[in-house]
């Protein structure tokens, strides 16, 4: 029984983004010099190596309740994130998101500051240990663009791999995330990029793709998250 209703959680942020699958990896660099992006760049695009782990119980309690728990290394820092799915429509993801920068990776809901969120998640997990569902290794090139109406969008080009118990999926995609301003600008930028490059809307997030791999895998032994993160 969930002690606190998720409907009463204080949402830290709303994540609104569009994912575009990229057929040609050269495009991942070229888009930053396109007429849709280059004139509006806030600063020079930055490249970073990223490593992410998605965690859940062995019977997918969190996923079944609509939540995803991610620990991600972004350059030299770690970020813990909880995401709760809301909607996917016409290429647009709309999710609730809680994030916290942490000094080292820890598979524990206590890293989050919202007491109601922690109680909801602990109740969903119900004492079961967290395991690693999948790992994402990738290189990201990203930059913010700012339009004349003040709308800010993060443009990120990702290339990498998703691993889950011997199974592999490749990542080659562009993410457009609305940081502030008009949602219509996000859709407009997506449409302009699709007109110029071989990009198509991707209906599955990295987490969903990793989850699908996990469901197909037949691991001899599940990897408990606590043991892995003690060694990182």
Protein backbone atom coordinates (compact mmCIF):
# COMPACT_ATOMS: atom_id res chain seq x y z
CA UNK A 1 0.00 0.00 0.00
CA UNK A 2 1.43 3.38 -1.06
CA UNK A 3 1.71 5.66 1.97
CA UNK A 4 1.52 8.88 -0.04
CA UNK A 5 -0.41 9.44 -3.23
CA UNK A 6 1.81 10.37 -6.22
CA UNK A 7 -0.82 12.96 -7.12
CA UNK A 8 0.28 15.02 -4.11
CA UNK A 9 3.99 15.08 -4.93
CA UNK A 10 5.72 18.40 -5.42
CA UNK A 11 7.06 18.19 -8.99
CA UNK A 12 10.62 19.50 -9.23
CA UNK A 13 10.48 19.95 -13.00
CA UNK A 14 8.55 19.05 -16.10
CA UNK A 15 10.63 17.47 -18.85
CA UNK A 16 9.35 18.24 -22.34
CA UNK A 17 11.45 16.94 -25.21
CA UNK A 18 11.48 15.49 -28.71
CA UNK A 19 13.76 12.62 -29.75
CA UNK A 20 14.92 12.30 -33.35
CA UNK A 21 16.56 9.10 -34.55
CA UNK A 22 19.58 9.79 -36.77
CA UNK A 23 20.33 7.52 -39.72
CA UNK A 24 23.63 9.26 -40.55
CA UNK A 25 26.07 9.77 -37.66
CA UNK A 26 27.76 12.70 -39.45
CA UNK A 27 24.54 14.64 -38.89
CA UNK A 28 25.13 14.53 -35.12
CA UNK A 29 27.84 17.17 -35.59
CA UNK A 30 26.40 18.94 -38.63
CA UNK A 31 23.15 20.02 -36.98
CA UNK A 32 25.01 22.53 -34.80
CA UNK A 33 26.06 24.39 -37.97
CA UNK A 34 22.60 24.32 -39.53
CA UNK A 35 20.51 27.44 -40.11
CA UNK A 36 17.97 26.08 -37.63
CA UNK A 37 20.54 25.96 -34.80
CA UNK A 38 23.76 27.91 -35.43
CA UNK A 39 22.35 31.49 -35.49
CA UNK A 40 20.69 30.92 -32.11
CA UNK A 41 23.49 29.20 -30.19
CA UNK A 42 24.02 30.55 -26.68
CA UNK A 43 27.61 29.23 -26.63
CA UNK A 44 29.94 26.79 -28.35
CA UNK A 45 28.68 23.17 -28.32
CA UNK A 46 30.24 21.07 -25.55
CA UNK A 47 31.26 17.42 -25.81
CA UNK A 48 31.12 15.06 -22.84
CA UNK A 49 31.26 11.35 -22.07
CA UNK A 50 28.23 10.02 -20.21
CA UNK A 51 27.52 6.79 -18.39
CA UNK A 52 24.06 6.02 -17.06
CA UNK A 53 22.55 3.19 -15.05
CA UNK A 54 18.82 2.51 -14.81
CA UNK A 55 17.70 0.75 -11.65
CA UNK A 56 14.59 -1.14 -10.58
CA UNK A 57 13.59 -4.23 -8.65
CA UNK A 58 13.85 -7.63 -10.36
CA UNK A 59 10.08 -7.67 -10.92
CA UNK A 60 10.04 -4.06 -12.18
CA UNK A 61 8.04 -2.45 -9.38
CA UNK A 62 9.10 1.09 -10.35
CA UNK A 63 8.45 0.61 -14.04
CA UNK A 64 5.04 -0.88 -13.32
CA UNK A 65 4.14 2.22 -11.31
CA UNK A 66 5.32 4.54 -14.10
CA UNK A 67 8.70 5.58 -12.61
CA UNK A 68 12.31 5.33 -13.80
CA UNK A 69 15.37 5.71 -11.53
CA UNK A 70 18.63 6.77 -13.21
CA UNK A 71 22.14 7.43 -11.94
CA UNK A 72 24.25 9.20 -14.57
CA UNK A 73 27.82 10.41 -14.75
CA UNK A 74 28.00 13.64 -16.76
CA UNK A 75 31.66 14.51 -17.22
CA UNK A 76 32.99 14.74 -13.65
CA UNK A 77 29.68 14.85 -11.78
CA UNK A 78 26.92 12.37 -10.94
CA UNK A 79 23.23 13.15 -11.20
CA UNK A 80 20.42 11.09 -9.69
CA UNK A 81 17.06 11.36 -11.44
CA UNK A 82 13.54 10.06 -11.00
CA UNK A 83 11.22 10.35 -13.98
CA UNK A 84 7.48 9.71 -14.04
CA UNK A 85 5.82 9.20 -17.38
CA UNK A 86 2.88 11.40 -18.28
CA UNK A 87 2.33 11.51 -22.02
CA UNK A 88 3.81 10.85 -25.46
CA UNK A 89 2.06 12.51 -28.36
CA UNK A 90 3.18 13.47 -31.86
CA UNK A 91 6.84 12.90 -31.01
CA UNK A 92 6.69 14.95 -27.82
CA UNK A 93 7.62 13.46 -24.45
CA UNK A 94 6.06 15.04 -21.35
CA UNK A 95 7.37 13.74 -18.00
CA UNK A 96 7.70 14.76 -14.37
CA UNK A 97 11.32 14.83 -13.26
CA UNK A 98 13.24 15.12 -9.99
CA UNK A 99 17.03 15.60 -10.22
CA UNK A 100 19.80 15.89 -7.67
CA UNK A 101 23.53 16.34 -8.21
CA UNK A 102 25.35 13.94 -5.88
CA UNK A 103 29.05 13.53 -4.92
CA UNK A 104 29.10 9.82 -5.77
CA UNK A 105 26.62 7.30 -7.18
CA UNK A 106 24.32 5.80 -4.57
CA UNK A 107 21.32 3.56 -5.35
CA UNK A 108 19.22 5.04 -2.58
CA UNK A 109 16.09 7.21 -2.72
CA UNK A 110 17.45 9.16 0.27
CA UNK A 111 19.55 11.26 -2.13
CA UNK A 112 16.34 13.14 -3.06
CA UNK A 113 15.12 15.97 -0.87
CA UNK A 114 11.35 15.55 -1.33
CA UNK A 115 10.13 13.46 1.65
CA UNK A 116 6.86 12.49 -0.05
CA UNK A 117 8.69 11.32 -3.18
CA UNK A 118 10.98 9.13 -1.07
CA UNK A 119 8.03 7.58 0.78
CA UNK A 120 6.16 6.87 -2.44
CA UNK A 121 9.19 5.21 -4.04
CA UNK A 122 10.05 3.16 -0.95
CA UNK A 123 6.46 1.99 -0.74
CA UNK A 124 6.49 0.97 -4.42
CA UNK A 125 9.77 -0.94 -4.04
CA UNK A 126 8.51 -2.50 -0.79
CA UNK A 127 11.94 -3.47 0.56
CA UNK A 128 13.15 -5.29 -2.54
CA UNK A 129 16.79 -4.68 -3.55
CA UNK A 130 17.47 -2.53 -6.61
CA UNK A 131 19.18 -4.18 -9.56
CA UNK A 132 20.78 -2.73 -12.68
CA UNK A 133 18.41 -3.02 -15.63
CA UNK A 134 20.76 -1.56 -18.20
CA UNK A 135 23.78 0.67 -18.72
CA UNK A 136 24.05 3.45 -21.31
CA UNK A 137 27.49 4.53 -22.53
CA UNK A 138 27.57 7.47 -24.91
CA UNK A 139 29.20 10.63 -26.15
CA UNK A 140 27.01 13.73 -26.10
CA UNK A 141 27.47 17.02 -27.94
CA UNK A 142 25.12 19.65 -26.57
CA UNK A 143 24.37 23.36 -26.57
CA UNK A 144 21.49 25.67 -25.77
CA UNK A 145 19.74 27.75 -28.40
CA UNK A 146 17.80 30.89 -27.50
CA UNK A 147 15.19 32.32 -29.85
CA UNK A 148 13.99 35.92 -30.15
CA UNK A 149 10.97 35.27 -27.92
CA UNK A 150 13.28 34.03 -25.14
CA UNK A 151 12.52 30.33 -25.62
CA UNK A 152 15.53 28.20 -24.65
CA UNK A 153 16.02 24.68 -26.00
CA UNK A 154 18.87 22.27 -25.29
CA UNK A 155 20.07 20.53 -28.45
CA UNK A 156 21.89 17.27 -27.70
CA UNK A 157 23.40 14.79 -30.17
CA UNK A 158 24.00 11.35 -28.65
CA UNK A 159 26.04 8.44 -29.98
CA UNK A 160 26.59 5.29 -27.94
CA UNK A 161 25.33 1.93 -26.74
CA UNK A 162 22.76 0.45 -24.37
CA UNK A 163 23.81 -2.78 -22.60
CA UNK A 164 21.63 -5.20 -20.67
CA UNK A 165 22.87 -8.65 -19.65
CA UNK A 166 24.64 -9.48 -22.91
CA UNK A 167 22.23 -7.68 -25.22
CA UNK A 168 23.12 -4.46 -27.05
CA UNK A 169 21.28 -1.60 -28.76
CA UNK A 170 22.98 1.28 -30.55
CA UNK A 171 22.17 4.93 -29.88
CA UNK A 172 22.31 7.59 -32.57
CA UNK A 173 19.83 10.38 -31.92
CA UNK A 174 19.14 14.05 -31.40
CA UNK A 175 17.32 15.23 -28.29
CA UNK A 176 15.58 18.60 -28.19
CA UNK A 177 14.58 19.58 -24.65
CA UNK A 178 12.53 22.65 -23.80
CA UNK A 179 14.27 24.51 -20.97
CA UNK A 180 11.94 27.51 -20.92
CA UNK A 181 9.47 29.21 -23.18
CA UNK A 182 7.06 28.06 -25.89
CA UNK A 183 6.41 24.40 -26.69
CA UNK A 184 5.58 25.43 -30.27
CA UNK A 185 9.20 26.53 -30.72
CA UNK A 186 10.34 23.01 -29.81
CA UNK A 187 8.08 21.48 -32.44
CA UNK A 188 9.16 24.11 -34.99
CA UNK A 189 12.86 23.35 -34.42
CA UNK A 190 12.19 19.63 -34.79
CA UNK A 191 10.33 20.15 -38.07
CA UNK A 192 13.10 22.39 -39.47
CA UNK A 193 15.78 19.81 -38.64
CA UNK A 194 13.75 16.99 -40.20
CA UNK A 195 13.45 18.99 -43.43
CA UNK A 196 17.23 19.35 -43.69
CA UNK A 197 18.50 16.00 -42.38
CA UNK A 198 17.53 12.30 -42.37
CA UNK A 199 15.97 12.47 -38.91
CA UNK A 200 12.80 10.70 -37.80
CA UNK A 201 10.83 10.94 -34.57
CA UNK A 202 11.82 8.21 -32.12
CA UNK A 203 8.99 6.82 -30.02
CA UNK A 204 11.22 5.08 -27.45
CA UNK A 205 13.50 6.65 -24.86
CA UNK A 206 16.87 5.12 -23.92
CA UNK A 207 15.24 3.81 -20.76
CA UNK A 208 12.44 2.14 -22.69
CA UNK A 209 14.91 0.57 -25.09
CA UNK A 210 17.04 -0.67 -22.19
CA UNK A 211 13.94 -2.03 -20.47
CA UNK A 212 13.02 -3.93 -23.63
CA UNK A 213 16.51 -5.45 -23.73
CA UNK A 214 16.21 -6.49 -20.08
CA UNK A 215 12.88 -8.19 -20.74
CA UNK A 216 14.45 -10.17 -23.60
CA UNK A 217 17.61 -11.11 -21.70
CA UNK A 218 18.00 -14.35 -19.76
CA UNK A 219 20.67 -13.45 -17.19
CA UNK A 220 22.29 -16.20 -15.12
CA UNK A 221 22.46 -13.75 -12.23
CA UNK A 222 20.98 -10.30 -11.75
CA UNK A 223 23.41 -7.52 -10.79
CA UNK A 224 22.48 -5.84 -7.52
CA UNK A 225 23.10 -2.09 -7.73
CA UNK A 226 24.49 -1.72 -4.21
CA UNK A 227 27.51 -3.88 -4.95
CA UNK A 228 28.33 -2.12 -8.23
CA UNK A 229 28.22 1.40 -6.86
CA UNK A 230 30.39 0.56 -3.86
CA UNK A 231 33.22 -0.04 -6.35
CA UNK A 232 32.81 3.06 -8.54
